[in-house]
Amino acid sequence: MNHWIIAVSGIFGASGVVLGALGAHLWKPHLNTQALDIFNTGLIYLLVHAAVLLMSGLLIDRYHRNIWFKLAALLFMFGVVFFCGALLAGTVLETRAFAPFAPYGGASLIFAW
């Protein structure tokens, strides 16, 4: 199980770097201050939790019988997709359609910790 968790953490980390570069060079001139703050919040949470998810995968490798590390990893993934995804997609696409998903992702991140 841990190998795909580590792979997903790499995908999240790479996505965070790409989105950060796009945000700084492509989208920044088109976003207002509030939208840029929301985008940066989503980006920071994405990058931080990519590293945390990597650590979760490594812990699962060492303590493979511990169900709590596995549950935390799943909650981290769900949280990143729904919280960070809602913030990032909402600002880039200039829509509030994704806003209802953010609280579920945020709660998932809280429970993962």
PDB file of N, CA and C in Angstrom:
ATOM      1  N   MET A   1       0.827  -1.203   0.000  1.00  0.00           N
ATOM      2  CA  MET A   1       0.000   0.000   0.000  1.00  0.00           C
ATOM      3  C   MET A   1       0.864   1.257   0.000  1.00  0.00           C
ATOM      4  N   ASN A   2       1.983   1.209   0.673  1.00  0.00           N
ATOM      5  CA  ASN A   2       2.777   2.419   0.840  1.00  0.00           C
ATOM      6  C   ASN A   2       3.398   2.909  -0.454  1.00  0.00           C
ATOM      7  N   HIS A   3       3.640   2.000  -1.411  1.00  0.00           N
ATOM      8  CA  HIS A   3       4.298   2.428  -2.641  1.00  0.00           C
ATOM      9  C   HIS A   3       3.420   3.381  -3.447  1.00  0.00           C
ATOM     10  N   TRP A   4       2.143   3.107  -3.522  1.00  0.00           N
ATOM     11  CA  TRP A   4       1.272   4.027  -4.262  1.00  0.00           C
ATOM     12  C   TRP A   4       1.027   5.301  -3.471  1.00  0.00           C
ATOM     13  N   ILE A   5       1.092   5.234  -2.157  1.00  0.00           N
ATOM     14  CA  ILE A   5       0.973   6.458  -1.354  1.00  0.00           C
ATOM     15  C   ILE A   5       2.173   7.360  -1.612  1.00  0.00           C
ATOM     16  N   ILE A   6       3.346   6.780  -1.670  1.00  0.00           N
ATOM     17  CA  ILE A   6       4.556   7.543  -1.972  1.00  0.00           C
ATOM     18  C   ILE A   6       4.478   8.130  -3.381  1.00  0.00           C
ATOM     19  N   ALA A   7       3.954   7.354  -4.322  1.00  0.00           N
ATOM     20  CA  ALA A   7       3.788   7.862  -5.691  1.00  0.00           C
ATOM     21  C   ALA A   7       2.808   9.036  -5.732  1.00  0.00           C
ATOM     22  N   VAL A   8       1.707   8.930  -5.002  1.00  0.00           N
ATOM     23  CA  VAL A   8       0.731  10.024  -4.969  1.00  0.00           C
ATOM     24  C   VAL A   8       1.352  11.263  -4.329  1.00  0.00           C
ATOM     25  N   SER A   9       2.173  11.080  -3.301  1.00  0.00           N
ATOM     26  CA  SER A   9       2.832  12.239  -2.686  1.00  0.00           C
ATOM     27  C   SER A   9       3.745  12.923  -3.697  1.00  0.00           C
ATOM     28  N   GLY A  10       4.411  12.144  -4.538  1.00  0.00           N
ATOM     29  CA  GLY A  10       5.246  12.725  -5.589  1.00  0.00           C
ATOM     30  C   GLY A  10       4.423  13.489  -6.612  1.00  0.00           C
ATOM     31  N   ILE A  11       3.269  12.956  -6.960  1.00  0.00           N
ATOM     32  CA  ILE A  11       2.374  13.639  -7.901  1.00  0.00           C
ATOM     33  C   ILE A  11       1.881  14.952  -7.289  1.00  0.00           C
ATOM     34  N   PHE A  12       1.510  14.911  -6.014  1.00  0.00           N
ATOM     35  CA  PHE A  12       1.081  16.138  -5.335  1.00  0.00           C
ATOM     36  C   PHE A  12       2.208  17.162  -5.282  1.00  0.00           C
ATOM     37  N   GLY A  13       3.418  16.712  -4.951  1.00  0.00           N
ATOM     38  CA  GLY A  13       4.554  17.629  -4.874  1.00  0.00           C
ATOM     39  C   GLY A  13       4.889  18.245  -6.223  1.00  0.00           C
ATOM     40  N   ALA A  14       4.934  17.421  -7.256  1.00  0.00           N
ATOM     41  CA  ALA A  14       5.222  17.939  -8.597  1.00  0.00           C
ATOM     42  C   ALA A  14       4.126  18.891  -9.059  1.00  0.00           C
ATOM     43  N   SER A  15       2.879  18.548  -8.763  1.00  0.00           N
ATOM     44  CA  SER A  15       1.761  19.428  -9.121  1.00  0.00           C
ATOM     45  C   SER A  15       1.880  20.767  -8.407  1.00  0.00           C
ATOM     46  N   GLY A  16       2.302  20.727  -7.154  1.00  0.00           N
ATOM     47  CA  GLY A  16       2.471  21.963  -6.406  1.00  0.00           C
ATOM     48  C   GLY A  16       3.543  22.860  -7.005  1.00  0.00           C
ATOM     49  N   VAL A  17       4.641  22.260  -7.437  1.00  0.00           N
ATOM     50  CA  VAL A  17       5.712  23.047  -8.055  1.00  0.00           C
ATOM     51  C   VAL A  17       5.237  23.639  -9.382  1.00  0.00           C
ATOM     52  N   VAL A  18       4.572  22.843 -10.196  1.00  0.00           N
ATOM     53  CA  VAL A  18       4.069  23.324 -11.487  1.00  0.00           C
ATOM     54  C   VAL A  18       3.040  24.436 -11.279  1.00  0.00           C
ATOM     55  N   LEU A  19       2.095  24.202 -10.369  1.00  0.00           N
ATOM     56  CA  LEU A  19       1.071  25.219 -10.114  1.00  0.00           C
ATOM     57  C   LEU A  19       1.671  26.486  -9.527  1.00  0.00           C
ATOM     58  N   GLY A  20       2.696  26.343  -8.689  1.00  0.00           N
ATOM     59  CA  GLY A  20       3.375  27.519  -8.145  1.00  0.00           C
ATOM     60  C   GLY A  20       4.037  28.341  -9.230  1.00  0.00           C
ATOM     61  N   ALA A  21       4.674  27.664 -10.167  1.00  0.00           N
ATOM     62  CA  ALA A  21       5.312  28.369 -11.278  1.00  0.00           C
ATOM     63  C   ALA A  21       4.272  29.043 -12.170  1.00  0.00           C
ATOM     64  N   LEU A  22       3.197  28.318 -12.474  1.00  0.00           N
ATOM     65  CA  LEU A  22       2.136  28.907 -13.292  1.00  0.00           C
ATOM     66  C   LEU A  22       1.490  30.093 -12.576  1.00  0.00           C
ATOM     67  N   GLY A  23       1.288  29.945 -11.282  1.00  0.00           N
ATOM     68  CA  GLY A  23       0.690  31.034 -10.510  1.00  0.00           C
ATOM     69  C   GLY A  23       1.561  32.273 -10.493  1.00  0.00           C
ATOM     70  N   ALA A  24       2.861  32.073 -10.341  1.00  0.00           N
ATOM     71  CA  ALA A  24       3.773  33.214 -10.254  1.00  0.00           C
ATOM     72  C   ALA A  24       3.993  33.902 -11.592  1.00  0.00           C
ATOM     73  N   HIS A  25       3.965  33.128 -12.673  1.00  0.00           N
ATOM     74  CA  HIS A  25       4.333  33.702 -13.969  1.00  0.00           C
ATOM     75  C   HIS A  25       3.166  33.909 -14.928  1.00  0.00           C
ATOM     76  N   LEU A  26       2.143  33.091 -14.813  1.00  0.00           N
ATOM     77  CA  LEU A  26       1.047  33.177 -15.779  1.00  0.00           C
ATOM     78  C   LEU A  26      -0.218  33.794 -15.188  1.00  0.00           C
ATOM     79  N   TRP A  27      -0.604  33.328 -14.007  1.00  0.00           N
ATOM     80  CA  TRP A  27      -1.891  33.753 -13.457  1.00  0.00           C
ATOM     81  C   TRP A  27      -1.807  34.976 -12.557  1.00  0.00           C
ATOM     82  N   LYS A  28      -0.657  35.244 -11.952  1.00  0.00           N
ATOM     83  CA  LYS A  28      -0.545  36.352 -10.998  1.00  0.00           C
ATOM     84  C   LYS A  28      -1.026  37.693 -11.556  1.00  0.00           C
ATOM     85  N   PRO A  29      -0.676  38.054 -12.798  1.00  0.00           N
ATOM     86  CA  PRO A  29      -1.155  39.341 -13.315  1.00  0.00           C
ATOM     87  C   PRO A  29      -2.679  39.408 -13.496  1.00  0.00           C
ATOM     88  N   HIS A  30      -3.326  38.248 -13.555  1.00  0.00           N
ATOM     89  CA  HIS A  30      -4.766  38.212 -13.830  1.00  0.00           C
ATOM     90  C   HIS A  30      -5.612  38.005 -12.575  1.00  0.00           C
ATOM     91  N   LEU A  31      -4.967  37.736 -11.436  1.00  0.00           N
ATOM     92  CA  LEU A  31      -5.713  37.481 -10.207  1.00  0.00           C
ATOM     93  C   LEU A  31      -5.682  38.708  -9.304  1.00  0.00           C
ATOM     94  N   ASN A  32      -6.804  38.999  -8.675  1.00  0.00           N
ATOM     95  CA  ASN A  32      -6.810  40.098  -7.699  1.00  0.00           C
ATOM     96  C   ASN A  32      -6.145  39.614  -6.414  1.00  0.00           C
ATOM     97  N   THR A  33      -5.953  40.501  -5.480  1.00  0.00           N
ATOM     98  CA  THR A  33      -5.221  40.183  -4.253  1.00  0.00           C
ATOM     99  C   THR A  33      -5.891  39.063  -3.463  1.00  0.00           C
ATOM    100  N   GLN A  34      -7.209  39.112  -3.345  1.00  0.00           N
ATOM    101  CA  GLN A  34      -7.926  38.080  -2.597  1.00  0.00           C
ATOM    102  C   GLN A  34      -7.792  36.719  -3.275  1.00  0.00           C
ATOM    103  N   ALA A  35      -7.951  36.678  -4.590  1.00  0.00           N
ATOM    104  CA  ALA A  35      -7.819  35.412  -5.323  1.00  0.00           C
ATOM    105  C   ALA A  35      -6.401  34.869  -5.206  1.00  0.00           C
ATOM    106  N   LEU A  36      -5.416  35.740  -5.262  1.00  0.00           N
ATOM    107  CA  LEU A  36      -4.022  35.314  -5.140  1.00  0.00           C
ATOM    108  C   LEU A  36      -3.751  34.746  -3.747  1.00  0.00           C
ATOM    109  N   ASP A  37      -4.333  35.348  -2.718  1.00  0.00           N
ATOM    110  CA  ASP A  37      -4.193  34.819  -1.360  1.00  0.00           C
ATOM    111  C   ASP A  37      -4.813  33.426  -1.235  1.00  0.00           C
ATOM    112  N   ILE A  38      -5.972  33.240  -1.814  1.00  0.00           N
ATOM    113  CA  ILE A  38      -6.646  31.933  -1.793  1.00  0.00           C
ATOM    114  C   ILE A  38      -5.802  30.908  -2.547  1.00  0.00           C
ATOM    115  N   PHE A  39      -5.296  31.292  -3.709  1.00  0.00           N
ATOM    116  CA  PHE A  39      -4.446  30.407  -4.504  1.00  0.00           C
ATOM    117  C   PHE A  39      -3.214  30.002  -3.705  1.00  0.00           C
ATOM    118  N   ASN A  40      -2.555  30.967  -3.074  1.00  0.00           N
ATOM    119  CA  ASN A  40      -1.342  30.677  -2.302  1.00  0.00           C
ATOM    120  C   ASN A  40      -1.627  29.783  -1.099  1.00  0.00           C
ATOM    121  N   THR A  41      -2.778  29.959  -0.468  1.00  0.00           N
ATOM    122  CA  THR A  41      -3.161  29.085   0.642  1.00  0.00           C
ATOM    123  C   THR A  41      -3.299  27.646   0.149  1.00  0.00           C
ATOM    124  N   GLY A  42      -3.993  27.458  -0.952  1.00  0.00           N
ATOM    125  CA  GLY A  42      -4.141  26.116  -1.516  1.00  0.00           C
ATOM    126  C   GLY A  42      -2.799  25.516  -1.897  1.00  0.00           C
ATOM    127  N   LEU A  43      -1.927  26.336  -2.447  1.00  0.00           N
ATOM    128  CA  LEU A  43      -0.605  25.876  -2.870  1.00  0.00           C
ATOM    129  C   LEU A  43       0.249  25.454  -1.674  1.00  0.00           C
ATOM    130  N   ILE A  44       0.255  26.257  -0.620  1.00  0.00           N
ATOM    131  CA  ILE A  44       1.033  25.921   0.573  1.00  0.00           C
ATOM    132  C   ILE A  44       0.527  24.620   1.191  1.00  0.00           C
ATOM    133  N   TYR A  45      -0.775  24.486   1.323  1.00  0.00           N
ATOM    134  CA  TYR A  45      -1.335  23.260   1.886  1.00  0.00           C
ATOM    135  C   TYR A  45      -1.012  22.057   1.007  1.00  0.00           C
ATOM    136  N   LEU A  46      -1.043  22.226  -0.299  1.00  0.00           N
ATOM    137  CA  LEU A  46      -0.715  21.140  -1.220  1.00  0.00           C
ATOM    138  C   LEU A  46       0.727  20.682  -1.021  1.00  0.00           C
ATOM    139  N   LEU A  47       1.662  21.616  -0.997  1.00  0.00           N
ATOM    140  CA  LEU A  47       3.070  21.261  -0.870  1.00  0.00           C
ATOM    141  C   LEU A  47       3.397  20.674   0.502  1.00  0.00           C
ATOM    142  N   VAL A  48       2.858  21.255   1.549  1.00  0.00           N
ATOM    143  CA  VAL A  48       3.110  20.737   2.901  1.00  0.00           C
ATOM    144  C   VAL A  48       2.568  19.322   3.034  1.00  0.00           C
ATOM    145  N   HIS A  49       1.349  19.114   2.562  1.00  0.00           N
ATOM    146  CA  HIS A  49       0.745  17.800   2.736  1.00  0.00           C
ATOM    147  C   HIS A  49       1.298  16.762   1.762  1.00  0.00           C
ATOM    148  N   ALA A  50       1.924  17.189   0.684  1.00  0.00           N
ATOM    149  CA  ALA A  50       2.649  16.242  -0.171  1.00  0.00           C
ATOM    150  C   ALA A  50       3.813  15.641   0.620  1.00  0.00           C
ATOM    151  N   ALA A  51       4.530  16.491   1.357  1.00  0.00           N
ATOM    152  CA  ALA A  51       5.637  16.007   2.183  1.00  0.00           C
ATOM    153  C   ALA A  51       5.127  15.131   3.330  1.00  0.00           C
ATOM    154  N   VAL A  52       4.021  15.527   3.933  1.00  0.00           N
ATOM    155  CA  VAL A  52       3.443  14.739   5.027  1.00  0.00           C
ATOM    156  C   VAL A  52       2.972  13.382   4.507  1.00  0.00           C
ATOM    157  N   LEU A  53       2.404  13.366   3.325  1.00  0.00           N
ATOM    158  CA  LEU A  53       1.955  12.110   2.736  1.00  0.00           C
ATOM    159  C   LEU A  53       3.144  11.198   2.430  1.00  0.00           C
ATOM    160  N   LEU A  54       4.250  11.764   1.986  1.00  0.00           N
ATOM    161  CA  LEU A  54       5.469  10.982   1.774  1.00  0.00           C
ATOM    162  C   LEU A  54       5.895  10.331   3.089  1.00  0.00           C
ATOM    163  N   MET A  55       5.909  11.098   4.150  1.00  0.00           N
ATOM    164  CA  MET A  55       6.279  10.557   5.449  1.00  0.00           C
ATOM    165  C   MET A  55       5.297   9.475   5.893  1.00  0.00           C
ATOM    166  N   SER A  56       4.025   9.675   5.602  1.00  0.00           N
ATOM    167  CA  SER A  56       3.025   8.654   5.949  1.00  0.00           C
ATOM    168  C   SER A  56       3.323   7.347   5.228  1.00  0.00           C
ATOM    169  N   GLY A  57       3.666   7.432   3.953  1.00  0.00           N
ATOM    170  CA  GLY A  57       4.013   6.233   3.197  1.00  0.00           C
ATOM    171  C   GLY A  57       5.230   5.525   3.766  1.00  0.00           C
ATOM    172  N   LEU A  58       6.218   6.299   4.190  1.00  0.00           N
ATOM    173  CA  LEU A  58       7.416   5.711   4.793  1.00  0.00           C
ATOM    174  C   LEU A  58       7.099   5.068   6.143  1.00  0.00           C
ATOM    175  N   LEU A  59       6.222   5.693   6.914  1.00  0.00           N
ATOM    176  CA  LEU A  59       5.814   5.109   8.194  1.00  0.00           C
ATOM    177  C   LEU A  59       5.025   3.823   7.984  1.00  0.00           C
ATOM    178  N   ILE A  60       4.177   3.805   6.982  1.00  0.00           N
ATOM    179  CA  ILE A  60       3.413   2.594   6.684  1.00  0.00           C
ATOM    180  C   ILE A  60       4.354   1.473   6.279  1.00  0.00           C
ATOM    181  N   ASP A  61       5.418   1.804   5.562  1.00  0.00           N
ATOM    182  CA  ASP A  61       6.400   0.797   5.167  1.00  0.00           C
ATOM    183  C   ASP A  61       7.057   0.172   6.406  1.00  0.00           C
ATOM    184  N   ARG A  62       7.332   1.006   7.385  1.00  0.00           N
ATOM    185  CA  ARG A  62       7.999   0.518   8.599  1.00  0.00           C
ATOM    186  C   ARG A  62       7.013  -0.168   9.545  1.00  0.00           C
ATOM    187  N   TYR A  63       5.837   0.391   9.681  1.00  0.00           N
ATOM    188  CA  TYR A  63       4.821  -0.143  10.600  1.00  0.00           C
ATOM    189  C   TYR A  63       3.603  -0.573   9.794  1.00  0.00           C
ATOM    190  N   HIS A  64       3.773  -1.548   8.942  1.00  0.00           N
ATOM    191  CA  HIS A  64       2.745  -1.923   7.966  1.00  0.00           C
ATOM    192  C   HIS A  64       1.460  -2.462   8.586  1.00  0.00           C
ATOM    193  N   ARG A  65       1.471  -2.839   9.832  1.00  0.00           N
ATOM    194  CA  ARG A  65       0.251  -3.341  10.482  1.00  0.00           C
ATOM    195  C   ARG A  65      -0.545  -2.227  11.172  1.00  0.00           C
ATOM    196  N   ASN A  66      -0.001  -1.029  11.213  1.00  0.00           N
ATOM    197  CA  ASN A  66      -0.662   0.075  11.909  1.00  0.00           C
ATOM    198  C   ASN A  66      -1.749   0.676  11.019  1.00  0.00           C
ATOM    199  N   ILE A  67      -2.980   0.415  11.367  1.00  0.00           N
ATOM    200  CA  ILE A  67      -4.124   0.893  10.583  1.00  0.00           C
ATOM    201  C   ILE A  67      -4.261   2.407  10.650  1.00  0.00           C
ATOM    202  N   TRP A  68      -3.781   3.054  11.724  1.00  0.00           N
ATOM    203  CA  TRP A  68      -3.939   4.493  11.893  1.00  0.00           C
ATOM    204  C   TRP A  68      -3.115   5.268  10.874  1.00  0.00           C
ATOM    205  N   PHE A  69      -1.916   4.803  10.553  1.00  0.00           N
ATOM    206  CA  PHE A  69      -1.110   5.468   9.532  1.00  0.00           C
ATOM    207  C   PHE A  69      -1.775   5.346   8.160  1.00  0.00           C
ATOM    208  N   LYS A  70      -2.368   4.188   7.897  1.00  0.00           N
ATOM    209  CA  LYS A  70      -3.055   3.978   6.616  1.00  0.00           C
ATOM    210  C   LYS A  70      -4.285   4.878   6.509  1.00  0.00           C
ATOM    211  N   LEU A  71      -5.044   4.961   7.585  1.00  0.00           N
ATOM    212  CA  LEU A  71      -6.225   5.829   7.599  1.00  0.00           C
ATOM    213  C   LEU A  71      -5.820   7.291   7.440  1.00  0.00           C
ATOM    214  N   ALA A  72      -4.773   7.698   8.141  1.00  0.00           N
ATOM    215  CA  ALA A  72      -4.292   9.078   8.025  1.00  0.00           C
ATOM    216  C   ALA A  72      -3.877   9.384   6.590  1.00  0.00           C
ATOM    217  N   ALA A  73      -3.175   8.466   5.943  1.00  0.00           N
ATOM    218  CA  ALA A  73      -2.743   8.686   4.560  1.00  0.00           C
ATOM    219  C   ALA A  73      -3.944   8.871   3.636  1.00  0.00           C
ATOM    220  N   LEU A  74      -4.956   8.049   3.803  1.00  0.00           N
ATOM    221  CA  LEU A  74      -6.158   8.182   2.966  1.00  0.00           C
ATOM    222  C   LEU A  74      -6.860   9.518   3.216  1.00  0.00           C
ATOM    223  N   LEU A  75      -6.938   9.921   4.483  1.00  0.00           N
ATOM    224  CA  LEU A  75      -7.560  11.195   4.800  1.00  0.00           C
ATOM    225  C   LEU A  75      -6.736  12.370   4.263  1.00  0.00           C
ATOM    226  N   PHE A  76      -5.409  12.272   4.321  1.00  0.00           N
ATOM    227  CA  PHE A  76      -4.559  13.315   3.740  1.00  0.00           C
ATOM    228  C   PHE A  76      -4.827  13.439   2.238  1.00  0.00           C
ATOM    229  N   MET A  77      -4.895  12.309   1.551  1.00  0.00           N
ATOM    230  CA  MET A  77      -5.137  12.359   0.102  1.00  0.00           C
ATOM    231  C   MET A  77      -6.493  12.975  -0.219  1.00  0.00           C
ATOM    232  N   PHE A  78      -7.522  12.528   0.473  1.00  0.00           N
ATOM    233  CA  PHE A  78      -8.858  13.081   0.274  1.00  0.00           C
ATOM    234  C   PHE A  78      -8.850  14.582   0.552  1.00  0.00           C
ATOM    235  N   GLY A  79      -8.214  14.962   1.649  1.00  0.00           N
ATOM    236  CA  GLY A  79      -8.161  16.374   2.032  1.00  0.00           C
ATOM    237  C   GLY A  79      -7.442  17.243   1.022  1.00  0.00           C
ATOM    238  N   VAL A  80      -6.329  16.753   0.511  1.00  0.00           N
ATOM    239  CA  VAL A  80      -5.584  17.524  -0.485  1.00  0.00           C
ATOM    240  C   VAL A  80      -6.415  17.710  -1.748  1.00  0.00           C
ATOM    241  N   VAL A  81      -7.032  16.640  -2.209  1.00  0.00           N
ATOM    242  CA  VAL A  81      -7.826  16.737  -3.440  1.00  0.00           C
ATOM    243  C   VAL A  81      -8.990  17.704  -3.260  1.00  0.00           C
ATOM    244  N   PHE A  82      -9.718  17.576  -2.158  1.00  0.00           N
ATOM    245  CA  PHE A  82     -10.919  18.381  -2.012  1.00  0.00           C
ATOM    246  C   PHE A  82     -10.665  19.784  -1.459  1.00  0.00           C
ATOM    247  N   PHE A  83      -9.730  19.939  -0.528  1.00  0.00           N
ATOM    248  CA  PHE A  83      -9.464  21.277   0.002  1.00  0.00           C
ATOM    249  C   PHE A  83      -8.589  22.075  -0.960  1.00  0.00           C
ATOM    250  N   CYS A  84      -7.423  21.556  -1.242  1.00  0.00           N
ATOM    251  CA  CYS A  84      -6.498  22.273  -2.128  1.00  0.00           C
ATOM    252  C   CYS A  84      -7.073  22.376  -3.537  1.00  0.00           C
ATOM    253  N   GLY A  85      -7.673  21.289  -3.986  1.00  0.00           N
ATOM    254  CA  GLY A  85      -8.270  21.298  -5.322  1.00  0.00           C
ATOM    255  C   GLY A  85      -9.353  22.358  -5.453  1.00  0.00           C
ATOM    256  N   ALA A  86     -10.192  22.478  -4.441  1.00  0.00           N
ATOM    257  CA  ALA A  86     -11.261  23.482  -4.487  1.00  0.00           C
ATOM    258  C   ALA A  86     -10.690  24.893  -4.512  1.00  0.00           C
ATOM    259  N   LEU A  87      -9.680  25.155  -3.689  1.00  0.00           N
ATOM    260  CA  LEU A  87      -9.097  26.498  -3.656  1.00  0.00           C
ATOM    261  C   LEU A  87      -8.374  26.828  -4.961  1.00  0.00           C
ATOM    262  N   LEU A  88      -7.563  25.910  -5.430  1.00  0.00           N
ATOM    263  CA  LEU A  88      -6.765  26.171  -6.631  1.00  0.00           C
ATOM    264  C   LEU A  88      -7.631  26.241  -7.889  1.00  0.00           C
ATOM    265  N   ALA A  89      -8.492  25.262  -8.062  1.00  0.00           N
ATOM    266  CA  ALA A  89      -9.351  25.260  -9.253  1.00  0.00           C
ATOM    267  C   ALA A  89     -10.319  26.434  -9.233  1.00  0.00           C
ATOM    268  N   GLY A  90     -10.849  26.741  -8.055  1.00  0.00           N
ATOM    269  CA  GLY A  90     -11.786  27.860  -7.956  1.00  0.00           C
ATOM    270  C   GLY A  90     -11.169  29.186  -8.341  1.00  0.00           C
ATOM    271  N   THR A  91      -9.923  29.412  -7.942  1.00  0.00           N
ATOM    272  CA  THR A  91      -9.293  30.694  -8.282  1.00  0.00           C
ATOM    273  C   THR A  91      -8.864  30.736  -9.738  1.00  0.00           C
ATOM    274  N   VAL A  92      -8.279  29.664 -10.229  1.00  0.00           N
ATOM    275  CA  VAL A  92      -7.798  29.665 -11.613  1.00  0.00           C
ATOM    276  C   VAL A  92      -8.962  29.734 -12.599  1.00  0.00           C
ATOM    277  N   LEU A  93     -10.019  29.000 -12.313  1.00  0.00           N
ATOM    278  CA  LEU A  93     -11.176  28.982 -13.217  1.00  0.00           C
ATOM    279  C   LEU A  93     -12.176  30.097 -12.917  1.00  0.00           C
ATOM    280  N   GLU A  94     -11.894  30.886 -11.879  1.00  0.00           N
ATOM    281  CA  GLU A  94     -12.746  32.007 -11.472  1.00  0.00           C
ATOM    282  C   GLU A  94     -14.204  31.588 -11.296  1.00  0.00           C
ATOM    283  N   THR A  95     -14.382  30.548 -10.461  1.00  0.00           N
ATOM    284  CA  THR A  95     -15.718  30.049 -10.181  1.00  0.00           C
ATOM    285  C   THR A  95     -15.821  29.669  -8.711  1.00  0.00           C
ATOM    286  N   ARG A  96     -17.015  29.697  -8.197  1.00  0.00           N
ATOM    287  CA  ARG A  96     -17.267  29.259  -6.827  1.00  0.00           C
ATOM    288  C   ARG A  96     -17.879  27.869  -6.807  1.00  0.00           C
ATOM    289  N   ALA A  97     -17.908  27.209  -7.956  1.00  0.00           N
ATOM    290  CA  ALA A  97     -18.528  25.893  -8.061  1.00  0.00           C
ATOM    291  C   ALA A  97     -17.829  24.849  -7.186  1.00  0.00           C
ATOM    292  N   PHE A  98     -16.545  25.026  -6.933  1.00  0.00           N
ATOM    293  CA  PHE A  98     -15.793  24.056  -6.145  1.00  0.00           C
ATOM    294  C   PHE A  98     -15.804  24.371  -4.651  1.00  0.00           C
ATOM    295  N   ALA A  99     -16.279  25.538  -4.270  1.00  0.00           N
ATOM    296  CA  ALA A  99     -16.259  25.987  -2.872  1.00  0.00           C
ATOM    297  C   ALA A  99     -16.941  25.019  -1.902  1.00  0.00           C
ATOM    298  N   PRO A 100     -18.047  24.371  -2.270  1.00  0.00           N
ATOM    299  CA  PRO A 100     -18.687  23.452  -1.314  1.00  0.00           C
ATOM    300  C   PRO A 100     -17.821  22.251  -0.924  1.00  0.00           C
ATOM    301  N   PHE A 101     -16.805  21.930  -1.720  1.00  0.00           N
ATOM    302  CA  PHE A 101     -15.958  20.777  -1.417  1.00  0.00           C
ATOM    303  C   PHE A 101     -14.858  21.096  -0.410  1.00  0.00           C
ATOM    304  N   ALA A 102     -14.483  22.355  -0.292  1.00  0.00           N
ATOM    305  CA  ALA A 102     -13.365  22.755   0.573  1.00  0.00           C
ATOM    306  C   ALA A 102     -13.565  22.373   2.044  1.00  0.00           C
ATOM    307  N   PRO A 103     -14.739  22.575   2.630  1.00  0.00           N
ATOM    308  CA  PRO A 103     -14.890  22.196   4.045  1.00  0.00           C
ATOM    309  C   PRO A 103     -14.706  20.694   4.291  1.00  0.00           C
ATOM    310  N   TYR A 104     -15.130  19.866   3.345  1.00  0.00           N
ATOM    311  CA  TYR A 104     -14.951  18.423   3.504  1.00  0.00           C
ATOM    312  C   TYR A 104     -13.463  18.065   3.443  1.00  0.00           C
ATOM    313  N   GLY A 105     -12.758  18.702   2.535  1.00  0.00           N
ATOM    314  CA  GLY A 105     -11.323  18.475   2.453  1.00  0.00           C
ATOM    315  C   GLY A 105     -10.598  18.985   3.673  1.00  0.00           C
ATOM    316  N   GLY A 106     -11.000  20.162   4.166  1.00  0.00           N
ATOM    317  CA  GLY A 106     -10.387  20.718   5.365  1.00  0.00           C
ATOM    318  C   GLY A 106     -10.618  19.841   6.573  1.00  0.00           C
ATOM    319  N   ALA A 107     -11.832  19.333   6.723  1.00  0.00           N
ATOM    320  CA  ALA A 107     -12.134  18.436   7.828  1.00  0.00           C
ATOM    321  C   ALA A 107     -11.331  17.148   7.712  1.00  0.00           C
ATOM    322  N   SER A 108     -11.168  16.667   6.508  1.00  0.00           N
ATOM    323  CA  SER A 108     -10.366  15.458   6.285  1.00  0.00           C
ATOM    324  C   SER A 108      -8.920  15.683   6.695  1.00  0.00           C
ATOM    325  N   LEU A 109      -8.372  16.838   6.359  1.00  0.00           N
ATOM    326  CA  LEU A 109      -6.988  17.139   6.766  1.00  0.00           C
ATOM    327  C   LEU A 109      -6.875  17.211   8.289  1.00  0.00           C
ATOM    328  N   ILE A 110      -7.859  17.804   8.932  1.00  0.00           N
ATOM    329  CA  ILE A 110      -7.842  17.892  10.392  1.00  0.00           C
ATOM    330  C   ILE A 110      -7.861  16.502  11.009  1.00  0.00           C
ATOM    331  N   PHE A 111      -8.780  15.639  10.537  1.00  0.00           N
ATOM    332  CA  PHE A 111      -8.885  14.291  11.092  1.00  0.00           C
ATOM    333  C   PHE A 111      -7.651  13.463  10.769  1.00  0.00           C
ATOM    334  N   ALA A 112      -7.003  13.731   9.650  1.00  0.00           N
ATOM    335  CA  ALA A 112      -5.785  12.995   9.302  1.00  0.00           C
ATOM    336  C   ALA A 112      -4.681  13.262  10.319  1.00  0.00           C
ATOM    337  N   TRP A 113      -4.589  14.505  10.757  1.00  0.00           N
ATOM    338  CA  TRP A 113      -3.561  14.848  11.761  1.00  0.00           C
ATOM    339  C   TRP A 113      -3.886  14.188  13.080  1.00  0.00           C
TER     340      TRP A 113
END
